[in-house]
Amino acid sequence: IFMLGTSGSDVSDMRTVLRKIEEGIIDTHISL
């Protein structure tokens, strides 16, 4: 069993989420 943890994000992660918004894969508004 592999146990991991991470803190924060990189620019690449933010660009990935931005792309998913632009492509309609996710709607970040669901979190608000």
PDB file of all heavy atoms in Angstrom:
ATOM      1  N   ILE A   1       0.861  -1.180   0.000  1.00  0.00           N
ATOM      2  CA  ILE A   1       0.000   0.000   0.000  1.00  0.00           C
ATOM      3  C   ILE A   1       0.896   1.229   0.000  1.00  0.00           C
ATOM      4  O   ILE A   1       1.752   1.379   0.879  1.00  0.00           O
ATOM      5  CB  ILE A   1      -0.908   0.007   1.243  1.00  0.00           C
ATOM      6  CG1 ILE A   1      -1.807  -1.233   1.243  1.00  0.00           C
ATOM      7  CG2 ILE A   1      -1.736   1.286   1.299  1.00  0.00           C
ATOM      8  CD1 ILE A   1      -2.498  -1.470   2.574  1.00  0.00           C
ATOM      9  N   PHE A   2       0.703   2.099  -0.964  1.00  0.00           N
ATOM     10  CA  PHE A   2       1.543   3.297  -1.048  1.00  0.00           C
ATOM     11  C   PHE A   2       0.779   4.489  -0.522  1.00  0.00           C
ATOM     12  O   PHE A   2      -0.296   4.834  -1.007  1.00  0.00           O
ATOM     13  CB  PHE A   2       1.988   3.556  -2.484  1.00  0.00           C
ATOM     14  CG  PHE A   2       2.954   4.704  -2.595  1.00  0.00           C
ATOM     15  CD1 PHE A   2       4.226   4.621  -2.053  1.00  0.00           C
ATOM     16  CD2 PHE A   2       2.585   5.891  -3.222  1.00  0.00           C
ATOM     17  CE1 PHE A   2       5.116   5.681  -2.126  1.00  0.00           C
ATOM     18  CE2 PHE A   2       3.468   6.952  -3.315  1.00  0.00           C
ATOM     19  CZ  PHE A   2       4.742   6.845  -2.757  1.00  0.00           C
ATOM     20  N   MET A   3       1.345   5.145   0.480  1.00  0.00           N
ATOM     21  CA  MET A   3       0.730   6.313   1.112  1.00  0.00           C
ATOM     22  C   MET A   3       1.503   7.561   0.726  1.00  0.00           C
ATOM     23  O   MET A   3       2.710   7.653   0.974  1.00  0.00           O
ATOM     24  CB  MET A   3       0.726   6.130   2.626  1.00  0.00           C
ATOM     25  CG  MET A   3       0.009   7.234   3.383  1.00  0.00           C
ATOM     26  SD  MET A   3      -0.297   6.788   5.115  1.00  0.00           S
ATOM     27  CE  MET A   3       1.378   6.514   5.701  1.00  0.00           C
ATOM     28  N   LEU A   4       0.793   8.507   0.112  1.00  0.00           N
ATOM     29  CA  LEU A   4       1.433   9.744  -0.334  1.00  0.00           C
ATOM     30  C   LEU A   4       0.705  10.940   0.239  1.00  0.00           C
ATOM     31  O   LEU A   4      -0.397  10.834   0.775  1.00  0.00           O
ATOM     32  CB  LEU A   4       1.459   9.819  -1.865  1.00  0.00           C
ATOM     33  CG  LEU A   4       0.109   9.853  -2.593  1.00  0.00           C
ATOM     34  CD1 LEU A   4      -0.391  11.296  -2.781  1.00  0.00           C
ATOM     35  CD2 LEU A   4       0.197   9.180  -3.946  1.00  0.00           C
ATOM     36  N   GLY A   5       1.331  12.075   0.117  1.00  0.00           N
ATOM     37  CA  GLY A   5       0.721  13.340   0.469  1.00  0.00           C
ATOM     38  C   GLY A   5       1.457  14.437  -0.270  1.00  0.00           C
ATOM     39  O   GLY A   5       2.657  14.315  -0.543  1.00  0.00           O
ATOM     40  N   THR A   6       0.757  15.485  -0.624  1.00  0.00           N
ATOM     41  CA  THR A   6       1.378  16.605  -1.334  1.00  0.00           C
ATOM     42  C   THR A   6       0.835  17.913  -0.783  1.00  0.00           C
ATOM     43  O   THR A   6      -0.237  17.952  -0.173  1.00  0.00           O
ATOM     44  CB  THR A   6       1.102  16.558  -2.845  1.00  0.00           C
ATOM     45  OG1 THR A   6      -0.320  16.605  -3.063  1.00  0.00           O
ATOM     46  CG2 THR A   6       1.654  15.283  -3.470  1.00  0.00           C
ATOM     47  N   SER A   7       1.567  18.973  -1.012  1.00  0.00           N
ATOM     48  CA  SER A   7       1.151  20.296  -0.566  1.00  0.00           C
ATOM     49  C   SER A   7       1.343  21.286  -1.703  1.00  0.00           C
ATOM     50  O   SER A   7       2.404  21.332  -2.315  1.00  0.00           O
ATOM     51  CB  SER A   7       1.968  20.729   0.656  1.00  0.00           C
ATOM     52  OG  SER A   7       1.642  22.037   1.057  1.00  0.00           O
ATOM     53  N   GLY A   8       0.305  22.064  -1.974  1.00  0.00           N
ATOM     54  CA  GLY A   8       0.411  23.084  -3.013  1.00  0.00           C
ATOM     55  C   GLY A   8       0.258  22.508  -4.408  1.00  0.00           C
ATOM     56  O   GLY A   8      -0.190  21.372  -4.614  1.00  0.00           O
ATOM     57  N   SER A   9       0.647  23.311  -5.378  1.00  0.00           N
ATOM     58  CA  SER A   9       0.520  22.917  -6.782  1.00  0.00           C
ATOM     59  C   SER A   9       1.598  23.616  -7.588  1.00  0.00           C
ATOM     60  O   SER A   9       2.251  24.537  -7.114  1.00  0.00           O
ATOM     61  CB  SER A   9      -0.862  23.291  -7.329  1.00  0.00           C
ATOM     62  OG  SER A   9      -1.054  24.703  -7.291  1.00  0.00           O
ATOM     63  N   ASP A  10       1.768  23.172  -8.812  1.00  0.00           N
ATOM     64  CA  ASP A  10       2.702  23.795  -9.740  1.00  0.00           C
ATOM     65  C   ASP A  10       1.930  24.564 -10.812  1.00  0.00           C
ATOM     66  O   ASP A  10       0.711  24.386 -10.978  1.00  0.00           O
ATOM     67  CB  ASP A  10       3.583  22.738 -10.407  1.00  0.00           C
ATOM     68  CG  ASP A  10       4.564  22.101  -9.431  1.00  0.00           C
ATOM     69  OD1 ASP A  10       5.008  22.803  -8.504  1.00  0.00           O
ATOM     70  OD2 ASP A  10       4.862  20.907  -9.583  1.00  0.00           O
ATOM     71  N   VAL A  11       2.664  25.371 -11.548  1.00  0.00           N
ATOM     72  CA  VAL A  11       2.055  26.098 -12.664  1.00  0.00           C
ATOM     73  C   VAL A  11       1.399  25.127 -13.638  1.00  0.00           C
ATOM     74  O   VAL A  11       0.306  25.381 -14.155  1.00  0.00           O
ATOM     75  CB  VAL A  11       3.113  26.965 -13.376  1.00  0.00           C
ATOM     76  CG1 VAL A  11       2.551  27.537 -14.672  1.00  0.00           C
ATOM     77  CG2 VAL A  11       3.589  28.097 -12.463  1.00  0.00           C
ATOM     78  N   SER A  12       2.057  23.982 -13.867  1.00  0.00           N
ATOM     79  CA  SER A  12       1.505  22.997 -14.811  1.00  0.00           C
ATOM     80  C   SER A  12       0.156  22.478 -14.341  1.00  0.00           C
ATOM     81  O   SER A  12      -0.744  22.223 -15.159  1.00  0.00           O
ATOM     82  CB  SER A  12       2.482  21.837 -15.002  1.00  0.00           C
ATOM     83  OG  SER A  12       2.727  21.177 -13.771  1.00  0.00           O
ATOM     84  N   ASP A  13      -0.031  22.306 -13.027  1.00  0.00           N
ATOM     85  CA  ASP A  13      -1.315  21.845 -12.501  1.00  0.00           C
ATOM     86  C   ASP A  13      -2.400  22.891 -12.746  1.00  0.00           C
ATOM     87  O   ASP A  13      -3.535  22.552 -13.107  1.00  0.00           O
ATOM     88  CB  ASP A  13      -1.211  21.571 -11.000  1.00  0.00           C
ATOM     89  CG  ASP A  13      -0.150  20.534 -10.668  1.00  0.00           C
ATOM     90  OD1 ASP A  13      -0.056  19.523 -11.386  1.00  0.00           O
ATOM     91  OD2 ASP A  13       0.604  20.738  -9.689  1.00  0.00           O
ATOM     92  N   MET A  14      -2.050  24.155 -12.569  1.00  0.00           N
ATOM     93  CA  MET A  14      -3.028  25.213 -12.787  1.00  0.00           C
ATOM     94  C   MET A  14      -3.403  25.313 -14.258  1.00  0.00           C
ATOM     95  O   MET A  14      -4.574  25.523 -14.603  1.00  0.00           O
ATOM     96  CB  MET A  14      -2.479  26.549 -12.276  1.00  0.00           C
ATOM     97  CG  MET A  14      -2.137  26.513 -10.792  1.00  0.00           C
ATOM     98  SD  MET A  14      -1.594  28.098 -10.109  1.00  0.00           S
ATOM     99  CE  MET A  14      -3.176  28.833  -9.707  1.00  0.00           C
ATOM    100  N   ARG A  15      -2.424  25.125 -15.116  1.00  0.00           N
ATOM    101  CA  ARG A  15      -2.718  25.146 -16.554  1.00  0.00           C
ATOM    102  C   ARG A  15      -3.604  23.955 -16.942  1.00  0.00           C
ATOM    103  O   ARG A  15      -4.467  24.075 -17.823  1.00  0.00           O
ATOM    104  CB  ARG A  15      -1.414  25.143 -17.355  1.00  0.00           C
ATOM    105  CG  ARG A  15      -0.585  26.413 -17.180  1.00  0.00           C
ATOM    106  CD  ARG A  15       0.552  26.480 -18.191  1.00  0.00           C
ATOM    107  NE  ARG A  15       1.430  27.611 -17.946  1.00  0.00           N
ATOM    108  CZ  ARG A  15       1.183  28.867 -18.312  1.00  0.00           C
ATOM    109  NH1 ARG A  15       0.049  29.142 -18.953  1.00  0.00           N
ATOM    110  NH2 ARG A  15       2.040  29.836 -18.051  1.00  0.00           N
ATOM    111  N   THR A  16      -3.399  22.819 -16.287  1.00  0.00           N
ATOM    112  CA  THR A  16      -4.241  21.652 -16.565  1.00  0.00           C
ATOM    113  C   THR A  16      -5.691  21.941 -16.210  1.00  0.00           C
ATOM    114  O   THR A  16      -6.618  21.639 -16.977  1.00  0.00           O
ATOM    115  CB  THR A  16      -3.740  20.429 -15.776  1.00  0.00           C
ATOM    116  OG1 THR A  16      -2.441  20.074 -16.242  1.00  0.00           O
ATOM    117  CG2 THR A  16      -4.678  19.241 -15.962  1.00  0.00           C
ATOM    118  N   VAL A  17      -5.911  22.544 -15.039  1.00  0.00           N
ATOM    119  CA  VAL A  17      -7.269  22.867 -14.624  1.00  0.00           C
ATOM    120  C   VAL A  17      -7.873  23.928 -15.538  1.00  0.00           C
ATOM    121  O   VAL A  17      -9.046  23.822 -15.928  1.00  0.00           O
ATOM    122  CB  VAL A  17      -7.291  23.340 -13.158  1.00  0.00           C
ATOM    123  CG1 VAL A  17      -8.696  23.769 -12.759  1.00  0.00           C
ATOM    124  CG2 VAL A  17      -6.802  22.231 -12.238  1.00  0.00           C
ATOM    125  N   LEU A  18      -7.089  24.923 -15.916  1.00  0.00           N
ATOM    126  CA  LEU A  18      -7.581  25.950 -16.836  1.00  0.00           C
ATOM    127  C   LEU A  18      -8.016  25.319 -18.156  1.00  0.00           C
ATOM    128  O   LEU A  18      -9.077  25.659 -18.694  1.00  0.00           O
ATOM    129  CB  LEU A  18      -6.488  27.004 -17.069  1.00  0.00           C
ATOM    130  CG  LEU A  18      -6.838  28.163 -18.000  1.00  0.00           C
ATOM    131  CD1 LEU A  18      -8.031  28.944 -17.473  1.00  0.00           C
ATOM    132  CD2 LEU A  18      -5.626  29.094 -18.161  1.00  0.00           C
ATOM    133  N   ARG A  19      -7.208  24.381 -18.652  1.00  0.00           N
ATOM    134  CA  ARG A  19      -7.582  23.685 -19.901  1.00  0.00           C
ATOM    135  C   ARG A  19      -8.890  22.918 -19.723  1.00  0.00           C
ATOM    136  O   ARG A  19      -9.765  22.936 -20.603  1.00  0.00           O
ATOM    137  CB  ARG A  19      -6.459  22.731 -20.307  1.00  0.00           C
ATOM    138  CG  ARG A  19      -6.812  21.860 -21.529  1.00  0.00           C
ATOM    139  CD  ARG A  19      -5.734  20.839 -21.842  1.00  0.00           C
ATOM    140  NE  ARG A  19      -5.481  19.930 -20.738  1.00  0.00           N
ATOM    141  CZ  ARG A  19      -6.255  18.875 -20.430  1.00  0.00           C
ATOM    142  NH1 ARG A  19      -7.351  18.628 -21.156  1.00  0.00           N
ATOM    143  NH2 ARG A  19      -5.950  18.097 -19.418  1.00  0.00           N
ATOM    144  N   LYS A  20      -9.066  22.259 -18.588  1.00  0.00           N
ATOM    145  CA  LYS A  20     -10.287  21.488 -18.359  1.00  0.00           C
ATOM    146  C   LYS A  20     -11.512  22.399 -18.292  1.00  0.00           C
ATOM    147  O   LYS A  20     -12.607  22.020 -18.741  1.00  0.00           O
ATOM    148  CB  LYS A  20     -10.164  20.676 -17.068  1.00  0.00           C
ATOM    149  CG  LYS A  20      -9.205  19.492 -17.180  1.00  0.00           C
ATOM    150  CD  LYS A  20      -9.176  18.671 -15.892  1.00  0.00           C
ATOM    151  CE  LYS A  20      -8.294  17.443 -16.033  1.00  0.00           C
ATOM    152  NZ  LYS A  20      -8.305  16.596 -14.818  1.00  0.00           N
ATOM    153  N   ILE A  21     -11.340  23.609 -17.748  1.00  0.00           N
ATOM    154  CA  ILE A  21     -12.439  24.570 -17.744  1.00  0.00           C
ATOM    155  C   ILE A  21     -12.782  24.983 -19.169  1.00  0.00           C
ATOM    156  O   ILE A  21     -13.946  24.988 -19.578  1.00  0.00           O
ATOM    157  CB  ILE A  21     -12.065  25.808 -16.911  1.00  0.00           C
ATOM    158  CG1 ILE A  21     -11.954  25.462 -15.430  1.00  0.00           C
ATOM    159  CG2 ILE A  21     -13.101  26.919 -17.102  1.00  0.00           C
ATOM    160  CD1 ILE A  21     -11.434  26.608 -14.587  1.00  0.00           C
ATOM    161  N   GLU A  22     -11.746  25.334 -19.933  1.00  0.00           N
ATOM    162  CA  GLU A  22     -11.962  25.820 -21.295  1.00  0.00           C
ATOM    163  C   GLU A  22     -12.577  24.743 -22.189  1.00  0.00           C
ATOM    164  O   GLU A  22     -13.344  25.050 -23.098  1.00  0.00           O
ATOM    165  CB  GLU A  22     -10.629  26.302 -21.878  1.00  0.00           C
ATOM    166  CG  GLU A  22     -10.101  27.577 -21.192  1.00  0.00           C
ATOM    167  CD  GLU A  22      -8.694  27.920 -21.606  1.00  0.00           C
ATOM    168  OE1 GLU A  22      -7.998  27.009 -22.109  1.00  0.00           O
ATOM    169  OE2 GLU A  22      -8.282  29.085 -21.417  1.00  0.00           O
ATOM    170  N   GLU A  23     -12.244  23.476 -21.917  1.00  0.00           N
ATOM    171  CA  GLU A  23     -12.778  22.369 -22.727  1.00  0.00           C
ATOM    172  C   GLU A  23     -14.104  21.841 -22.202  1.00  0.00           C
ATOM    173  O   GLU A  23     -14.672  20.915 -22.778  1.00  0.00           O
ATOM    174  CB  GLU A  23     -11.748  21.236 -22.804  1.00  0.00           C
ATOM    175  CG  GLU A  23     -10.471  21.628 -23.553  1.00  0.00           C
ATOM    176  CD  GLU A  23      -9.459  20.494 -23.610  1.00  0.00           C
ATOM    177  OE1 GLU A  23      -9.764  19.382 -23.100  1.00  0.00           O
ATOM    178  OE2 GLU A  23      -8.366  20.712 -24.164  1.00  0.00           O
ATOM    179  N   GLY A  24     -14.597  22.417 -21.111  1.00  0.00           N
ATOM    180  CA  GLY A  24     -15.878  21.998 -20.571  1.00  0.00           C
ATOM    181  C   GLY A  24     -15.848  20.683 -19.827  1.00  0.00           C
ATOM    182  O   GLY A  24     -16.903  20.079 -19.585  1.00  0.00           O
ATOM    183  N   ILE A  25     -14.663  20.204 -19.449  1.00  0.00           N
ATOM    184  CA  ILE A  25     -14.561  18.932 -18.736  1.00  0.00           C
ATOM    185  C   ILE A  25     -15.041  19.104 -17.293  1.00  0.00           C
ATOM    186  O   ILE A  25     -15.710  18.226 -16.737  1.00  0.00           O
ATOM    187  CB  ILE A  25     -13.118  18.408 -18.773  1.00  0.00           C
ATOM    188  CG1 ILE A  25     -12.718  18.111 -20.223  1.00  0.00           C
ATOM    189  CG2 ILE A  25     -12.956  17.160 -17.907  1.00  0.00           C
ATOM    190  CD1 ILE A  25     -11.258  17.742 -20.386  1.00  0.00           C
ATOM    191  N   ILE A  26     -14.690  20.221 -16.685  1.00  0.00           N
ATOM    192  CA  ILE A  26     -15.137  20.520 -15.322  1.00  0.00           C
ATOM    193  C   ILE A  26     -15.691  21.931 -15.269  1.00  0.00           C
ATOM    194  O   ILE A  26     -15.369  22.776 -16.102  1.00  0.00           O
ATOM    195  CB  ILE A  26     -13.999  20.379 -14.281  1.00  0.00           C
ATOM    196  CG1 ILE A  26     -12.845  21.344 -14.601  1.00  0.00           C
ATOM    197  CG2 ILE A  26     -13.517  18.943 -14.170  1.00  0.00           C
ATOM    198  CD1 ILE A  26     -11.787  21.406 -13.522  1.00  0.00           C
ATOM    199  N   ASP A  27     -16.539  22.161 -14.293  1.00  0.00           N
ATOM    200  CA  ASP A  27     -17.048  23.494 -13.993  1.00  0.00           C
ATOM    201  C   ASP A  27     -16.665  23.785 -12.558  1.00  0.00           C
ATOM    202  O   ASP A  27     -17.246  23.231 -11.618  1.00  0.00           O
ATOM    203  CB  ASP A  27     -18.568  23.535 -14.170  1.00  0.00           C
ATOM    204  CG  ASP A  27     -19.157  24.907 -13.866  1.00  0.00           C
ATOM    205  OD1 ASP A  27     -18.390  25.814 -13.495  1.00  0.00           O
ATOM    206  OD2 ASP A  27     -20.392  25.053 -13.982  1.00  0.00           O
ATOM    207  N   THR A  28     -15.666  24.626 -12.348  1.00  0.00           N
ATOM    208  CA  THR A  28     -15.191  24.889 -10.990  1.00  0.00           C
ATOM    209  C   THR A  28     -16.259  25.561 -10.136  1.00  0.00           C
ATOM    210  O   THR A  28     -16.152  25.560  -8.905  1.00  0.00           O
ATOM    211  CB  THR A  28     -13.922  25.763 -11.006  1.00  0.00           C
ATOM    212  OG1 THR A  28     -14.185  26.965 -11.739  1.00  0.00           O
ATOM    213  CG2 THR A  28     -12.757  25.020 -11.644  1.00  0.00           C
ATOM    214  N   HIS A  29     -17.305  26.107 -10.762  1.00  0.00           N
ATOM    215  CA  HIS A  29     -18.376  26.744  -9.992  1.00  0.00           C
ATOM    216  C   HIS A  29     -19.042  25.775  -9.024  1.00  0.00           C
ATOM    217  O   HIS A  29     -19.661  26.211  -8.043  1.00  0.00           O
ATOM    218  CB  HIS A  29     -19.448  27.312 -10.926  1.00  0.00           C
ATOM    219  CG  HIS A  29     -19.023  28.530 -11.673  1.00  0.00           C
ATOM    220  ND1 HIS A  29     -19.341  28.731 -13.006  1.00  0.00           N
ATOM    221  CD2 HIS A  29     -18.305  29.619 -11.307  1.00  0.00           C
ATOM    222  CE1 HIS A  29     -18.854  29.890 -13.409  1.00  0.00           C
ATOM    223  NE2 HIS A  29     -18.215  30.447 -12.397  1.00  0.00           N
ATOM    224  N   ILE A  30     -18.964  24.469  -9.282  1.00  0.00           N
ATOM    225  CA  ILE A  30     -19.629  23.515  -8.385  1.00  0.00           C
ATOM    226  C   ILE A  30     -19.074  23.600  -6.968  1.00  0.00           C
ATOM    227  O   ILE A  30     -19.729  23.169  -6.018  1.00  0.00           O
ATOM    228  CB  ILE A  30     -19.517  22.074  -8.904  1.00  0.00           C
ATOM    229  CG1 ILE A  30     -18.071  21.562  -8.806  1.00  0.00           C
ATOM    230  CG2 ILE A  30     -20.061  21.939 -10.303  1.00  0.00           C
ATOM    231  CD1 ILE A  30     -17.953  20.069  -8.973  1.00  0.00           C
ATOM    232  N   SER A  31     -17.864  24.152  -6.835  1.00  0.00           N
ATOM    233  CA  SER A  31     -17.226  24.229  -5.515  1.00  0.00           C
ATOM    234  C   SER A  31     -17.674  25.440  -4.714  1.00  0.00           C
ATOM    235  O   SER A  31     -17.405  25.510  -3.509  1.00  0.00           O
ATOM    236  CB  SER A  31     -15.702  24.296  -5.678  1.00  0.00           C
ATOM    237  OG  SER A  31     -15.220  23.236  -6.449  1.00  0.00           O
ATOM    238  N   LEU A  32     -18.333  26.395  -5.350  1.00  0.00           N
ATOM    239  CA  LEU A  32     -18.635  27.664  -4.694  1.00  0.00           C
ATOM    240  C   LEU A  32     -19.891  27.554  -3.839  1.00  0.00           C
ATOM    241  O   LEU A  32     -20.965  27.195  -4.331  1.00  0.00           O
ATOM    242  CB  LEU A  32     -18.807  28.777  -5.734  1.00  0.00           C
ATOM    243  CG  LEU A  32     -18.920  30.191  -5.165  1.00  0.00           C
ATOM    244  CD1 LEU A  32     -17.633  30.590  -4.466  1.00  0.00           C
ATOM    245  CD2 LEU A  32     -19.270  31.195  -6.254  1.00  0.00           C
TER     246      LEU A  32
END
